[in-house]
Amino acid sequence: MTTINGVITGPADITPSATSTPIGIIYDEDGSVTDALLGTGVSNSAYCAANSAFGGVDNFDVNAQFLHAVSFSTAIVRSLLRNYLTCNTIWLA
């Protein structure tokens, strides 16, 4: 996942247009994805990003129906999610 001139690029299966995989889950082992999306240093544990999960819906259709969402989780949450979630997309950072 990279940010160039304010444009975020990443694997196609986690982008808002990836409606065939409606939930993209990103395990952010070192905080680099969180920093790329929300700004340098945001993954610092002082900002509560450590041992947490966050995300949201990033694509709705014209009738306001959910089309795609993405969830980011840190290392400890990763093991919990692996045991309890079944999802279409998993990308390891």
Foldseek 3Di string as FASTA:
>chain_A
DAADPNDDDDDPCQDLVNLVFAEAEEEEAPCPVVCRVPHPPCCPCVVVNPQDKDWFQDDADPVRHGRHIYMYGYDVVVVVCVVPDDGDHYDYD
